[in-house]
Amino acid sequence: LRCLCFANVNPLTLVLMATMDVRFYKRYPSSHTRAFATCVIPYLSSSSVHASYMCFVLPVLICLSVTMSSLRRAVFEIALVATLVVSCTGTTGYEHLTCGSSMKLQHQNSGCRLHSHEINYGASGGGSGQQSVTGMMSETDANSLWTIMGTPSRPCIPGARLKCGTTIRLQHANTGKLLHSHSGFVSPLSHNQEVSALGSYDSTDPADEWMLECTETLVSRTQPFRLKHVQTGYYLHHTSRHTYQRPIQGQREICAFPHASEYNLWRAEQGFFVKPTAESF
């Protein structure tokens, strides 16, 4: 059962967890502690916890606790739980945004996610007729995933940490189109500069390029940043004031705006993040 549920855990870890189970079952016969040994410990052995701690330190500590007096064991168990919490919520090496990661970009002010789909803007009224880019409040919609890429002149290595000031492209995961903007076309509702999705992985259009603007050396996953359109100097922008009706009712307008403000701050939300490498991009 454990091998089926935790197939990504290496065999040594499985053996050590089985040893821990035996110690728990012998020392703590009650049902709730058995449930802890069977369910919680293997869950904590996932990639969010340092493997060296789970594989070596924790089993030794648990085995030593068997010989303790009741008072010392109680103090130990409290310390153990606190250590597990710190280990689960602490630094895991994924603090910075990396090239090749697929993520959901969340607007700092409104909470909506940058979104796209196979629905085009109208070609009349100043629109381009290209694939539309909107804001979506749903946390689970797969059409809100974007993959970080380098530019044609400067490809990036997957896992490279992104520096503030780096120019990137964002590829919509489901349609393969690139986040795009251009002067001469206006957004449907606010009549700011239009943001669309256009081209593909091998496109060389400089209008697909965006600069990461932030205050630190590296782009943090927990701190907001801006995406500045390199060709026009406009920022990826949203105000919550403009909402579409049919056929994309409830979705928000995303546009490009000439000035930096609180309405063009974004941060990396859920996603599939590539493990950082030593070098930065």
Protein backbone atom coordinates (compact mmCIF):
# COMPACT_ATOMS: atom_id res chain seq x y z
CA LEU A 1 0.00 0.00 0.00
CA ARG A 2 2.80 2.39 0.85
CA CYS A 3 4.65 1.67 -2.39
CA LEU A 4 1.46 2.34 -4.36
CA CYS A 5 0.69 5.60 -2.57
CA PHE A 6 4.23 6.95 -2.41
CA ALA A 7 5.89 5.61 -5.54
CA ASN A 8 8.08 8.70 -5.80
CA VAL A 9 9.82 7.90 -2.49
CA ASN A 10 13.08 6.02 -2.86
CA PRO A 11 13.38 2.43 -1.46
CA LEU A 12 15.68 3.42 1.42
CA THR A 13 13.10 5.90 2.66
CA LEU A 14 10.38 3.26 2.47
CA VAL A 15 12.46 0.85 4.56
CA LEU A 16 13.17 3.53 7.14
CA MET A 17 9.50 4.49 7.31
CA ALA A 18 8.58 0.83 7.85
CA THR A 19 11.07 0.72 10.74
CA MET A 20 9.47 3.81 12.20
CA ASP A 21 6.06 2.14 11.93
CA VAL A 22 7.28 -0.86 13.93
CA ARG A 23 8.61 1.37 16.70
CA PHE A 24 5.34 3.33 16.82
CA TYR A 25 3.16 0.22 16.85
CA LYS A 26 5.12 -1.37 19.69
CA ARG A 27 5.41 1.72 21.84
CA TYR A 28 2.08 3.40 21.05
CA PRO A 29 -0.74 0.86 20.57
CA SER A 30 -3.59 3.40 20.42
CA SER A 31 -5.37 3.93 17.11
CA HIS A 32 -4.61 7.63 16.70
CA THR A 33 -0.84 7.18 17.01
CA ARG A 34 -0.97 4.27 14.57
CA ALA A 35 -2.81 6.51 12.15
CA PHE A 36 -0.04 9.09 12.59
CA ALA A 37 2.63 6.50 11.85
CA THR A 38 0.81 5.09 8.82
CA CYS A 39 -0.50 8.29 7.19
CA VAL A 40 1.21 11.44 8.41
CA ILE A 41 4.85 10.34 8.41
CA PRO A 42 4.91 9.09 4.80
CA TYR A 43 3.08 12.26 3.71
CA LEU A 44 5.78 14.35 5.35
CA SER A 45 8.42 12.42 3.44
CA SER A 46 7.35 14.11 0.21
CA SER A 47 9.60 16.52 -1.66
CA SER A 48 8.53 19.44 0.55
CA VAL A 49 10.69 18.12 3.40
CA HIS A 50 14.44 17.75 3.34
CA ALA A 51 15.18 14.09 2.52
CA SER A 52 18.20 13.91 4.82
CA TYR A 53 16.03 14.86 7.80
CA MET A 54 13.30 12.36 7.00
CA CYS A 55 15.66 9.49 6.16
CA PHE A 56 18.20 9.72 8.95
CA VAL A 57 17.55 12.18 11.79
CA LEU A 58 13.85 11.52 12.40
CA PRO A 59 14.08 7.69 12.64
CA VAL A 60 16.93 7.95 15.16
CA LEU A 61 15.01 10.45 17.30
CA ILE A 62 11.88 8.30 17.33
CA CYS A 63 13.83 5.18 18.32
CA LEU A 64 15.55 7.06 21.16
CA SER A 65 12.22 8.29 22.51
CA VAL A 66 11.18 4.75 23.46
CA THR A 67 13.60 4.70 26.41
CA MET A 68 12.53 8.09 27.78
CA SER A 69 10.42 8.70 30.87
CA SER A 70 6.83 9.87 30.35
CA LEU A 71 7.65 13.53 31.04
CA ARG A 72 10.71 13.60 28.79
CA ARG A 73 8.85 11.76 26.08
CA ALA A 74 6.04 14.33 26.19
CA VAL A 75 8.53 17.19 25.85
CA PHE A 76 10.25 15.31 23.02
CA GLU A 77 7.01 14.78 21.13
CA ILE A 78 6.14 18.48 21.33
CA ALA A 79 9.60 19.37 20.03
CA LEU A 80 9.27 16.77 17.27
CA VAL A 81 5.97 18.21 16.05
CA ALA A 82 7.45 21.74 16.08
CA THR A 83 10.45 20.51 14.10
CA LEU A 84 8.21 18.86 11.51
CA VAL A 85 6.21 22.06 11.10
CA VAL A 86 9.37 24.11 10.59
CA SER A 87 10.74 21.53 8.16
CA CYS A 88 7.51 21.50 6.13
CA THR A 89 7.11 25.25 5.91
CA GLY A 90 10.71 26.35 5.75
CA THR A 91 13.10 26.89 2.90
CA THR A 92 13.00 24.18 0.27
CA GLY A 93 15.20 25.68 -2.45
CA TYR A 94 12.30 26.86 -4.61
CA GLU A 95 12.18 30.46 -3.39
CA HIS A 96 13.04 31.99 -6.74
CA LEU A 97 11.37 31.91 -10.13
CA THR A 98 13.17 29.66 -12.62
CA CYS A 99 13.25 29.29 -16.37
CA GLY A 100 11.11 26.45 -17.72
CA SER A 101 8.61 26.61 -14.86
CA SER A 102 4.88 26.61 -15.63
CA MET A 103 2.94 28.84 -13.26
CA LYS A 104 -0.21 30.81 -12.67
CA LEU A 105 0.40 34.55 -12.48
CA GLN A 106 -1.81 36.13 -9.84
CA HIS A 107 -2.64 39.83 -9.86
CA GLN A 108 -1.50 41.28 -6.55
CA ASN A 109 -4.37 43.73 -6.17
CA SER A 110 -7.40 41.72 -7.33
CA GLY A 111 -6.29 38.09 -6.98
CA CYS A 112 -7.28 37.12 -10.53
CA ARG A 113 -5.05 34.84 -12.64
CA LEU A 114 -3.64 35.68 -16.06
CA HIS A 115 -5.69 33.56 -18.46
CA SER A 116 -6.13 32.78 -22.14
CA HIS A 117 -8.23 30.48 -24.35
CA GLU A 118 -9.09 29.87 -27.99
CA ILE A 119 -11.41 32.87 -28.20
CA ASN A 120 -10.22 35.82 -30.27
CA TYR A 121 -10.74 39.54 -29.88
CA GLY A 122 -12.94 41.21 -32.45
CA ALA A 123 -11.16 42.81 -35.40
CA SER A 124 -13.47 45.82 -35.40
CA GLY A 125 -13.39 48.72 -32.95
CA GLY A 126 -9.60 48.81 -32.79
CA GLY A 127 -9.04 45.16 -31.86
CA SER A 128 -6.43 42.90 -33.46
CA GLY A 129 -8.51 39.74 -33.88
CA GLN A 130 -5.80 37.79 -32.05
CA GLN A 131 -6.29 35.29 -29.20
CA SER A 132 -7.64 37.10 -26.16
CA VAL A 133 -5.91 37.31 -22.77
CA THR A 134 -8.11 37.86 -19.71
CA GLY A 135 -8.14 37.63 -15.93
CA MET A 136 -9.80 34.64 -14.23
CA MET A 137 -10.67 34.30 -10.55
CA SER A 138 -10.76 30.49 -10.59
CA GLU A 139 -7.75 28.81 -8.96
CA THR A 140 -8.14 25.51 -10.83
CA ASP A 141 -8.56 26.47 -14.49
CA ALA A 142 -5.73 24.92 -16.54
CA ASN A 143 -5.97 27.75 -19.08
CA SER A 144 -4.19 29.99 -16.57
CA LEU A 145 -0.85 28.17 -16.82
CA TRP A 146 2.07 29.97 -18.48
CA THR A 147 5.56 28.61 -19.14
CA ILE A 148 8.65 30.81 -18.75
CA MET A 149 10.92 30.89 -21.80
CA GLY A 150 13.97 32.82 -22.90
CA THR A 151 14.08 35.01 -25.98
CA PRO A 152 15.29 33.98 -29.48
CA SER A 153 18.51 35.93 -28.93
CA ARG A 154 19.01 34.62 -25.41
CA PRO A 155 17.55 31.17 -24.64
CA CYS A 156 17.48 30.17 -20.99
CA ILE A 157 18.44 26.88 -19.38
CA PRO A 158 15.60 25.17 -17.45
CA GLY A 159 16.15 25.74 -13.76
CA ALA A 160 18.15 28.95 -14.15
CA ARG A 161 17.10 31.49 -11.52
CA LEU A 162 15.64 34.63 -13.07
CA LYS A 163 17.23 37.97 -12.25
CA CYS A 164 15.27 41.19 -11.96
CA GLY A 165 15.66 43.00 -15.27
CA THR A 166 15.74 39.76 -17.30
CA THR A 167 13.74 39.66 -20.54
CA ILE A 168 11.55 36.58 -20.94
CA ARG A 169 8.64 35.25 -22.97
CA LEU A 170 5.55 33.58 -21.51
CA GLN A 171 3.98 30.70 -23.44
CA HIS A 172 0.37 29.77 -22.78
CA ALA A 173 0.56 26.10 -21.78
CA ASN A 174 -2.66 24.91 -23.45
CA THR A 175 -2.60 26.79 -26.76
CA GLY A 176 1.14 27.35 -27.21
CA LYS A 177 0.65 31.06 -27.97
CA LEU A 178 2.97 33.70 -26.50
CA LEU A 179 1.94 36.62 -24.32
CA HIS A 180 1.99 39.56 -26.73
CA SER A 181 1.26 43.26 -26.93
CA HIS A 182 1.49 45.95 -29.60
CA SER A 183 0.78 49.61 -30.19
CA GLY A 184 -2.03 50.49 -32.56
CA PHE A 185 -4.59 48.07 -31.07
CA VAL A 186 -6.78 48.87 -28.07
CA SER A 187 -8.32 46.67 -25.38
CA PRO A 188 -12.11 46.21 -25.81
CA LEU A 189 -13.36 47.81 -22.58
CA SER A 190 -10.83 50.32 -21.21
CA HIS A 191 -9.28 51.19 -24.60
CA ASN A 192 -5.78 50.87 -23.20
CA GLN A 193 -3.11 49.02 -25.17
CA GLU A 194 -4.28 45.50 -26.07
CA VAL A 195 -2.62 42.38 -24.64
CA SER A 196 -3.10 39.21 -26.67
CA ALA A 197 -1.60 35.75 -27.27
CA LEU A 198 0.15 35.20 -30.59
CA GLY A 199 2.77 33.08 -32.33
CA SER A 200 4.46 29.94 -31.03
CA TYR A 201 7.67 28.64 -29.46
CA ASP A 202 9.82 29.39 -32.51
CA SER A 203 8.41 32.89 -33.10
CA THR A 204 10.95 35.71 -33.32
CA ASP A 205 8.55 38.64 -32.83
CA PRO A 206 10.08 41.13 -30.33
CA ALA A 207 6.52 42.10 -29.31
CA ASP A 208 6.43 38.80 -27.34
CA GLU A 209 9.17 39.93 -24.96
CA TRP A 210 8.60 41.14 -21.39
CA MET A 211 11.07 42.39 -18.79
CA LEU A 212 10.81 41.27 -15.17
CA GLU A 213 10.86 44.41 -13.05
CA CYS A 214 11.39 43.99 -9.29
CA THR A 215 13.47 45.34 -6.41
CA GLU A 216 15.61 42.33 -5.47
CA THR A 217 18.53 40.70 -7.27
CA LEU A 218 16.53 37.56 -8.12
CA VAL A 219 12.81 37.24 -8.85
CA SER A 220 11.13 35.83 -5.74
CA ARG A 221 8.10 33.56 -5.81
CA THR A 222 6.69 35.32 -2.77
CA GLN A 223 7.28 38.96 -3.74
CA PRO A 224 5.35 40.90 -6.41
CA PHE A 225 6.97 41.98 -9.67
CA ARG A 226 5.97 43.79 -12.85
CA LEU A 227 6.05 42.61 -16.44
CA LYS A 228 7.15 45.46 -18.69
CA HIS A 229 6.57 45.07 -22.43
CA VAL A 230 10.01 45.63 -23.95
CA GLN A 231 8.90 47.03 -27.31
CA THR A 232 6.38 49.61 -26.05
CA GLY A 233 7.43 50.15 -22.42
CA TYR A 234 3.89 49.42 -21.18
CA TYR A 235 3.10 47.26 -18.14
CA LEU A 236 0.84 44.20 -17.90
CA HIS A 237 -2.13 45.75 -16.12
CA HIS A 238 -5.52 45.07 -14.52
CA THR A 239 -7.85 47.27 -12.44
CA SER A 240 -10.94 45.08 -11.65
CA ARG A 241 -13.10 47.81 -13.21
CA HIS A 242 -13.76 46.09 -16.53
CA THR A 243 -15.52 42.72 -16.75
CA TYR A 244 -16.54 40.92 -19.94
CA GLN A 245 -20.01 39.65 -20.75
CA ARG A 246 -20.75 36.78 -23.15
CA PRO A 247 -19.10 34.66 -24.46
CA ILE A 248 -16.55 34.99 -21.61
CA GLN A 249 -18.86 36.34 -18.94
CA GLY A 250 -17.21 37.21 -15.64
CA GLN A 251 -13.65 37.26 -16.96
CA ARG A 252 -11.64 40.44 -16.43
CA GLU A 253 -9.94 42.66 -18.97
CA ILE A 254 -6.14 42.53 -19.06
CA CYS A 255 -4.39 45.36 -20.86
CA ALA A 256 -1.06 47.21 -21.03
CA PHE A 257 -0.63 50.55 -19.27
CA PRO A 258 2.10 53.18 -19.70
CA HIS A 259 2.86 53.81 -16.02
CA ALA A 260 3.96 51.63 -13.11
CA SER A 261 1.31 51.38 -10.39
CA GLU A 262 -0.20 49.03 -7.84
CA TYR A 263 -2.43 47.68 -10.62
CA ASN A 264 0.43 46.11 -12.55
CA LEU A 265 1.96 44.05 -9.76
CA TRP A 266 1.92 40.25 -10.18
CA ARG A 267 3.32 37.24 -8.36
CA ALA A 268 3.85 33.55 -9.10
CA GLU A 269 1.06 31.41 -7.71
CA GLN A 270 0.45 27.67 -8.12
CA GLY A 271 2.38 25.83 -10.79
CA PHE A 272 5.06 23.34 -11.72
CA PHE A 273 8.37 24.87 -10.72
CA VAL A 274 11.66 23.59 -12.10
CA LYS A 275 14.32 22.92 -9.46
CA PRO A 276 16.82 25.81 -9.40
CA THR A 277 20.33 25.34 -10.77
CA ALA A 278 23.46 27.12 -9.61
CA GLU A 279 23.53 29.66 -12.43
CA SER A 280 21.20 32.60 -12.93
CA PHE A 281 19.69 33.90 -16.14
